[in-house]
């Protein structure tokens, strides 16, 4: 009995020494046991949370509904996903309109221009306006004065390029008013750079012939030189051949449209009203704006008008805004 007690005491002492100074084998065994214990704890914690991260049939990890930050499965938490994008877009729109209000005051507009709605996901189908057809016109670019839309938007277009007012560039850029330019080479070739600056501000540059002639009075080949020659000039100066063409004075015949089509023109927008610094002129009997109307004006200054180009913008924007319309970008619809 004494021997047994002594042996037990020696064993106990040896175990106490091993705990105070563990050897390599002891440390390895302890590490294995610790890892196993941690693994069991993780598994238990996962099951205690209702099996988050498991598949719907109770199998291994991955797949299945995952709890969101809101605590509801299958729904994005606050500040994530489409809802966050929508909120960010709304905040950006509010900020942009506030900046536009500041610019409107600076440029002495009567009212802050209205913001245009988002452009359509699919552009509307454009057809030639009734009464504007030509023989064999079904296969030719459509001629129109209005874009099919239910939105209260109109489109501002400026013709020729004679006046090159730097104030216009600054004004339209600060107000964020979109517009399209239809250019004739004979009045822009003394300052191509002005329209390059305009293009850099997001303005699309289109064809208004080389020399602004009365096209129906020319032969087909002469019309083709006027239209296709300007296509080449714009491509050389601005890097892109236009797809929109406006005939001078709005006059054309079947040969005009055939010539235009032969060099890449897709559509021929005319206009439903014309803006001046002190008045508006109307094509329609009701002398009013309609959704999708195209508004024409010109690059002119005080030598030709009773006012400057900024004066014209102030007047036309008052008309447009007073009637509850916004200006949209023509190329988003055509």
Protein backbone atom coordinates (compact mmCIF):
# COMPACT_ATOMS: atom_id res chain seq x y z
CA UNK A 1 0.00 0.00 0.00
CA UNK A 2 2.85 2.38 0.82
CA UNK A 3 4.45 1.56 -2.55
CA UNK A 4 1.25 2.33 -4.43
CA UNK A 5 0.84 5.67 -2.68
CA UNK A 6 4.45 6.60 -3.49
CA UNK A 7 3.98 5.60 -7.14
CA UNK A 8 0.76 7.66 -7.39
CA UNK A 9 2.51 10.63 -5.84
CA UNK A 10 5.37 10.35 -8.36
CA UNK A 11 2.94 10.23 -11.27
CA UNK A 12 1.04 13.24 -9.98
CA UNK A 13 4.30 15.17 -9.51
CA UNK A 14 5.42 14.30 -13.07
CA UNK A 15 2.09 15.53 -14.45
CA UNK A 16 2.41 18.82 -12.52
CA UNK A 17 5.92 19.31 -13.98
CA UNK A 18 4.62 18.65 -17.51
CA UNK A 19 1.90 21.27 -17.07
CA UNK A 20 4.45 23.82 -15.87
CA UNK A 21 7.04 22.91 -18.58
CA UNK A 22 5.25 21.07 -21.43
CA UNK A 23 7.34 19.21 -23.90
CA UNK A 24 6.92 19.22 -27.71
CA UNK A 25 4.61 16.23 -27.77
CA UNK A 26 2.39 17.71 -25.06
CA UNK A 27 2.18 21.02 -26.85
CA UNK A 28 1.17 19.32 -30.12
CA UNK A 29 -1.57 17.31 -28.42
CA UNK A 30 -2.87 20.47 -26.72
CA UNK A 31 -2.96 22.34 -30.03
CA UNK A 32 -4.99 19.58 -31.67
CA UNK A 33 -7.44 19.56 -28.81
CA UNK A 34 -7.76 23.38 -28.96
CA UNK A 35 -8.49 23.38 -32.71
CA UNK A 36 -11.11 20.66 -32.28
CA UNK A 37 -12.75 22.62 -29.50
CA UNK A 38 -12.86 25.82 -31.56
CA UNK A 39 -14.35 23.97 -34.51
CA UNK A 40 -17.11 22.54 -32.32
CA UNK A 41 -17.84 25.97 -30.90
CA UNK A 42 -18.16 27.54 -34.40
CA UNK A 43 -20.51 24.79 -35.53
CA UNK A 44 -22.64 25.21 -32.46
CA UNK A 45 -22.74 28.99 -32.91
CA UNK A 46 -23.84 28.63 -36.52
CA UNK A 47 -26.67 26.29 -35.58
CA UNK A 48 -27.68 28.63 -32.75
CA UNK A 49 -28.18 31.42 -35.30
CA UNK A 50 -30.64 29.39 -37.27
CA UNK A 51 -28.23 27.89 -39.80
CA UNK A 52 -27.28 31.10 -41.61
CA UNK A 53 -25.05 30.34 -44.54
CA UNK A 54 -26.47 26.82 -45.12
CA UNK A 55 -28.31 25.70 -48.20
CA UNK A 56 -32.07 25.51 -48.11
CA UNK A 57 -32.11 21.71 -47.83
CA UNK A 58 -29.84 21.68 -44.76
CA UNK A 59 -26.73 20.68 -46.74
CA UNK A 60 -23.26 22.21 -46.63
CA UNK A 61 -22.31 25.92 -46.79
CA UNK A 62 -23.23 28.35 -49.58
CA UNK A 63 -26.55 29.33 -51.19
CA UNK A 64 -29.96 29.82 -49.61
CA UNK A 65 -31.43 32.99 -48.18
CA UNK A 66 -28.97 35.14 -46.29
CA UNK A 67 -29.97 37.53 -43.55
CA UNK A 68 -29.61 41.17 -44.59
CA UNK A 69 -28.51 44.09 -42.45
CA UNK A 70 -32.17 44.72 -41.70
CA UNK A 71 -32.54 41.22 -40.29
CA UNK A 72 -35.01 40.17 -42.99
CA UNK A 73 -34.00 37.38 -45.37
CA UNK A 74 -34.01 38.20 -49.09
CA UNK A 75 -34.19 42.00 -48.69
CA UNK A 76 -31.36 44.49 -49.05
CA UNK A 77 -30.60 46.54 -45.99
CA UNK A 78 -30.61 50.34 -45.90
CA UNK A 79 -28.07 51.98 -48.21
CA UNK A 80 -27.57 48.96 -50.47
CA UNK A 81 -28.64 47.87 -53.93
CA UNK A 82 -31.19 49.54 -56.18
CA UNK A 83 -32.72 51.57 -53.37
CA UNK A 84 -29.38 53.23 -52.63
CA UNK A 85 -28.81 53.99 -56.32
CA UNK A 86 -32.27 55.53 -56.56
CA UNK A 87 -31.64 57.72 -53.52
CA UNK A 88 -28.26 58.81 -54.85
CA UNK A 89 -29.79 59.72 -58.22
CA UNK A 90 -32.54 61.72 -56.52
CA UNK A 91 -30.00 63.59 -54.41
CA UNK A 92 -27.89 64.33 -57.49
CA UNK A 93 -30.95 65.66 -59.33
CA UNK A 94 -31.81 67.98 -56.44
CA UNK A 95 -28.24 69.28 -56.35
CA UNK A 96 -28.16 69.79 -60.13
CA UNK A 97 -31.41 71.76 -60.07
CA UNK A 98 -30.11 73.91 -57.21
CA UNK A 99 -27.00 74.72 -59.25
CA UNK A 100 -29.22 75.49 -62.24
CA UNK A 101 -31.21 77.94 -60.11
CA UNK A 102 -27.98 79.77 -59.24
CA UNK A 103 -26.99 79.88 -62.92
CA UNK A 104 -30.47 81.11 -63.91
CA UNK A 105 -30.10 84.04 -61.53
CA UNK A 106 -26.61 84.79 -62.83
CA UNK A 107 -27.78 84.81 -66.46
CA UNK A 108 -30.93 86.77 -65.60
CA UNK A 109 -33.50 84.20 -66.67
CA UNK A 110 -37.06 84.91 -65.56
CA UNK A 111 -37.37 81.39 -64.12
CA UNK A 112 -35.17 78.38 -63.48
CA UNK A 113 -35.44 75.97 -66.44
CA UNK A 114 -37.24 72.73 -65.65
CA UNK A 115 -35.26 69.49 -65.55
CA UNK A 116 -35.99 67.08 -68.40
CA UNK A 117 -37.10 63.53 -67.53
CA UNK A 118 -34.82 60.59 -68.20
CA UNK A 119 -34.57 59.77 -71.91
CA UNK A 120 -36.60 56.83 -73.22
CA UNK A 121 -35.06 53.38 -72.99
CA UNK A 122 -36.07 52.85 -76.62
CA UNK A 123 -36.14 55.73 -79.09
CA UNK A 124 -39.55 56.36 -80.66
CA UNK A 125 -40.18 55.45 -84.27
CA UNK A 126 -39.98 58.55 -86.48
CA UNK A 127 -42.17 58.90 -89.57
CA UNK A 128 -42.50 61.64 -92.16
CA UNK A 129 -45.11 64.22 -91.21
CA UNK A 130 -48.30 64.11 -93.25
CA UNK A 131 -48.11 66.60 -96.08
CA UNK A 132 -44.29 66.51 -96.13
CA UNK A 133 -43.99 63.34 -98.24
CA UNK A 134 -42.14 63.02 -101.55
CA UNK A 135 -42.54 60.47 -104.33
CA UNK A 136 -40.74 57.27 -103.38
CA UNK A 137 -40.20 58.58 -99.88
CA UNK A 138 -40.96 55.35 -98.02
CA UNK A 139 -37.32 54.29 -98.22
CA UNK A 140 -35.90 57.77 -97.63
CA UNK A 141 -35.00 59.59 -94.37
CA UNK A 142 -38.16 60.81 -92.58
CA UNK A 143 -38.96 64.53 -92.51
CA UNK A 144 -40.62 65.67 -89.27
CA UNK A 145 -41.30 68.70 -87.08
CA UNK A 146 -42.19 66.86 -83.89
CA UNK A 147 -40.87 63.78 -82.04
CA UNK A 148 -43.46 61.27 -80.76
CA UNK A 149 -43.49 61.52 -76.95
CA UNK A 150 -45.97 62.10 -74.15
CA UNK A 151 -43.36 63.88 -72.03
CA UNK A 152 -43.54 67.66 -71.76
CA UNK A 153 -40.24 68.20 -73.51
CA UNK A 154 -39.15 70.22 -76.53
CA UNK A 155 -35.86 70.23 -78.45
CA UNK A 156 -33.73 73.31 -79.11
CA UNK A 157 -31.82 73.45 -82.41
CA UNK A 158 -29.57 76.23 -83.73
CA UNK A 159 -28.75 76.71 -87.42
CA UNK A 160 -25.87 77.86 -89.65
CA UNK A 161 -23.04 79.07 -87.34
CA UNK A 162 -22.56 82.70 -88.39
CA UNK A 163 -22.40 84.18 -84.86
CA UNK A 164 -19.79 82.69 -82.54
CA UNK A 165 -20.63 84.22 -79.19
CA UNK A 166 -18.47 82.80 -76.36
CA UNK A 167 -21.15 83.89 -73.89
CA UNK A 168 -23.53 81.37 -75.43
CA UNK A 169 -21.13 78.51 -74.68
CA UNK A 170 -20.75 79.53 -71.04
CA UNK A 171 -24.44 80.27 -70.57
CA UNK A 172 -25.71 76.98 -71.95
CA UNK A 173 -23.06 74.97 -70.13
CA UNK A 174 -23.84 76.53 -66.75
CA UNK A 175 -27.60 76.25 -67.25
CA UNK A 176 -27.24 72.65 -68.52
CA UNK A 177 -29.63 73.32 -71.41
CA UNK A 178 -29.11 70.78 -74.22
CA UNK A 179 -29.20 71.88 -77.86
CA UNK A 180 -28.16 70.66 -81.29
CA UNK A 181 -26.27 72.63 -83.96
CA UNK A 182 -26.90 72.35 -87.72
CA UNK A 183 -23.84 73.86 -89.42
CA UNK A 184 -23.02 75.32 -92.84
CA UNK A 185 -19.34 75.33 -93.73
CA UNK A 186 -19.26 78.72 -95.45
CA UNK A 187 -19.98 80.49 -92.11
CA UNK A 188 -18.04 78.24 -89.73
CA UNK A 189 -14.79 77.76 -91.66
CA UNK A 190 -13.26 80.92 -90.20
CA UNK A 191 -13.47 79.45 -86.68
CA UNK A 192 -13.85 75.68 -86.57
CA UNK A 193 -12.42 75.79 -83.03
CA UNK A 194 -15.51 77.53 -81.64
CA UNK A 195 -17.69 74.55 -82.56
CA UNK A 196 -15.04 72.14 -81.30
CA UNK A 197 -15.50 73.77 -77.88
CA UNK A 198 -19.24 73.39 -78.30
CA UNK A 199 -18.85 69.71 -79.15
CA UNK A 200 -16.64 69.21 -76.07
CA UNK A 201 -19.57 70.47 -73.97
CA UNK A 202 -21.78 67.66 -75.27
CA UNK A 203 -23.44 69.40 -78.24
CA UNK A 204 -24.03 67.26 -81.33
CA UNK A 205 -23.02 68.88 -84.65
CA UNK A 206 -25.16 68.18 -87.72
CA UNK A 207 -25.38 68.99 -91.43
CA UNK A 208 -26.87 72.18 -92.91
CA UNK A 209 -25.01 72.03 -96.30
CA UNK A 210 -21.79 73.63 -97.46
CA UNK A 211 -23.13 76.99 -98.73
CA UNK A 212 -26.82 77.15 -97.65
CA UNK A 213 -28.43 77.09 -101.12
CA UNK A 214 -32.04 76.58 -102.15
CA UNK A 215 -31.68 72.85 -102.75
CA UNK A 216 -34.75 72.15 -104.96
CA UNK A 217 -33.27 74.52 -107.52
CA UNK A 218 -30.17 72.35 -107.90
CA UNK A 219 -29.62 69.13 -109.81
CA UNK A 220 -29.26 65.87 -107.94
CA UNK A 221 -25.48 65.91 -108.33
CA UNK A 222 -25.27 69.51 -107.12
CA UNK A 223 -27.38 68.68 -104.10
CA UNK A 224 -25.20 65.68 -103.37
CA UNK A 225 -22.08 67.87 -103.44
CA UNK A 226 -23.69 70.28 -100.98
CA UNK A 227 -24.87 67.63 -98.54
CA UNK A 228 -22.17 64.98 -98.82
CA UNK A 229 -19.46 67.62 -99.02
CA UNK A 230 -20.59 68.96 -95.65
CA UNK A 231 -20.68 65.42 -94.27
CA UNK A 232 -17.00 65.14 -95.18
CA UNK A 233 -16.13 68.54 -93.71
CA UNK A 234 -17.77 67.74 -90.37
CA UNK A 235 -16.11 64.31 -90.27
CA UNK A 236 -12.70 65.89 -90.90
CA UNK A 237 -13.08 68.69 -88.35
CA UNK A 238 -15.08 66.96 -85.62
CA UNK A 239 -14.46 63.26 -86.07
CA UNK A 240 -17.96 62.03 -86.88
CA UNK A 241 -20.21 62.03 -89.93
CA UNK A 242 -23.66 63.33 -88.87
CA UNK A 243 -26.84 61.28 -89.18
CA UNK A 244 -29.17 64.31 -89.02
CA UNK A 245 -29.54 66.88 -91.81
CA UNK A 246 -31.64 70.03 -92.10
CA UNK A 247 -32.13 71.57 -95.58
CA UNK A 248 -31.73 75.36 -95.78
CA UNK A 249 -35.04 77.22 -95.40
CA UNK A 250 -36.66 73.81 -94.81
CA UNK A 251 -36.94 73.29 -98.58
CA UNK A 252 -36.26 69.93 -100.21
CA UNK A 253 -37.44 67.49 -102.87
CA UNK A 254 -37.02 63.77 -103.50
CA UNK A 255 -33.53 64.35 -104.88
CA UNK A 256 -32.53 66.09 -101.65
CA UNK A 257 -33.53 63.11 -99.56
CA UNK A 258 -31.91 60.61 -101.94
CA UNK A 259 -28.66 62.58 -101.85
CA UNK A 260 -28.79 62.83 -98.07
CA UNK A 261 -29.40 59.10 -97.69
CA UNK A 262 -26.49 58.30 -100.02
CA UNK A 263 -23.99 59.80 -97.58
CA UNK A 264 -25.32 58.49 -94.30
CA UNK A 265 -28.20 60.77 -93.26
CA UNK A 266 -30.86 58.91 -91.26
CA UNK A 267 -33.40 61.65 -90.49
CA UNK A 268 -34.39 65.21 -91.48
CA UNK A 269 -35.72 67.24 -88.54
CA UNK A 270 -37.41 70.53 -89.47
CA UNK A 271 -39.16 72.64 -86.80
CA UNK A 272 -42.53 73.61 -85.37
CA UNK A 273 -41.57 77.04 -83.98
CA UNK A 274 -38.75 79.57 -84.30
CA UNK A 275 -37.20 81.67 -81.54
CA UNK A 276 -35.93 85.26 -81.72
CA UNK A 277 -34.69 87.58 -78.95
CA UNK A 278 -38.03 89.42 -78.82
CA UNK A 279 -40.69 87.03 -80.15
CA UNK A 280 -41.64 83.52 -81.28
CA UNK A 281 -42.94 82.43 -84.68
CA UNK A 282 -45.19 79.38 -84.94
CA UNK A 283 -45.88 76.78 -87.61
CA UNK A 284 -49.02 75.40 -85.95
CA UNK A 285 -52.40 77.13 -86.04
CA UNK A 286 -52.72 77.17 -82.22
CA UNK A 287 -49.42 79.08 -81.80
CA UNK A 288 -48.38 76.88 -78.92
CA UNK A 289 -45.87 74.25 -77.82
CA UNK A 290 -46.65 70.52 -77.87
CA UNK A 291 -44.80 67.51 -76.42
CA UNK A 292 -41.87 66.68 -78.69
CA UNK A 293 -41.83 69.97 -80.64
CA UNK A 294 -38.60 71.01 -82.32
CA UNK A 295 -37.69 74.67 -81.78
CA UNK A 296 -35.47 76.40 -84.35
CA UNK A 297 -33.22 79.41 -83.83
CA UNK A 298 -30.04 80.75 -85.47
CA UNK A 299 -26.51 81.76 -84.61
CA UNK A 300 -27.12 85.51 -84.83
CA UNK A 301 -26.08 88.65 -82.98
CA UNK A 302 -27.05 92.28 -82.60
CA UNK A 303 -26.14 93.04 -86.21
CA UNK A 304 -29.06 90.86 -87.35
CA UNK A 305 -31.35 90.75 -84.33
CA UNK A 306 -32.78 93.00 -81.69
CA UNK A 307 -30.51 91.43 -79.14
CA UNK A 308 -27.74 88.91 -78.57
CA UNK A 309 -27.78 85.13 -78.46
CA UNK A 310 -28.06 85.16 -74.65
CA UNK A 311 -31.05 87.49 -75.08
CA UNK A 312 -32.62 84.94 -77.41
CA UNK A 313 -32.02 82.14 -74.89
CA UNK A 314 -33.64 84.21 -72.13
CA UNK A 315 -36.73 84.79 -74.27
CA UNK A 316 -37.16 81.26 -75.58
CA UNK A 317 -36.54 79.71 -72.15
CA UNK A 318 -39.16 81.97 -70.59
CA UNK A 319 -41.66 80.77 -73.19
CA UNK A 320 -40.73 77.11 -72.69
CA UNK A 321 -40.67 77.23 -68.88
CA UNK A 322 -43.84 79.30 -68.55
CA UNK A 323 -45.68 76.63 -70.52
CA UNK A 324 -44.39 73.87 -68.22
CA UNK A 325 -41.89 72.32 -70.64
CA UNK A 326 -38.28 71.22 -70.26
CA UNK A 327 -35.62 71.11 -72.97
CA UNK A 328 -34.38 67.60 -73.75
CA UNK A 329 -31.54 66.40 -75.97
CA UNK A 330 -32.77 65.64 -79.48
CA UNK A 331 -30.26 62.83 -80.00
CA UNK A 332 -31.69 60.94 -77.00
CA UNK A 333 -34.94 60.58 -78.94
CA UNK A 334 -33.88 60.47 -82.60
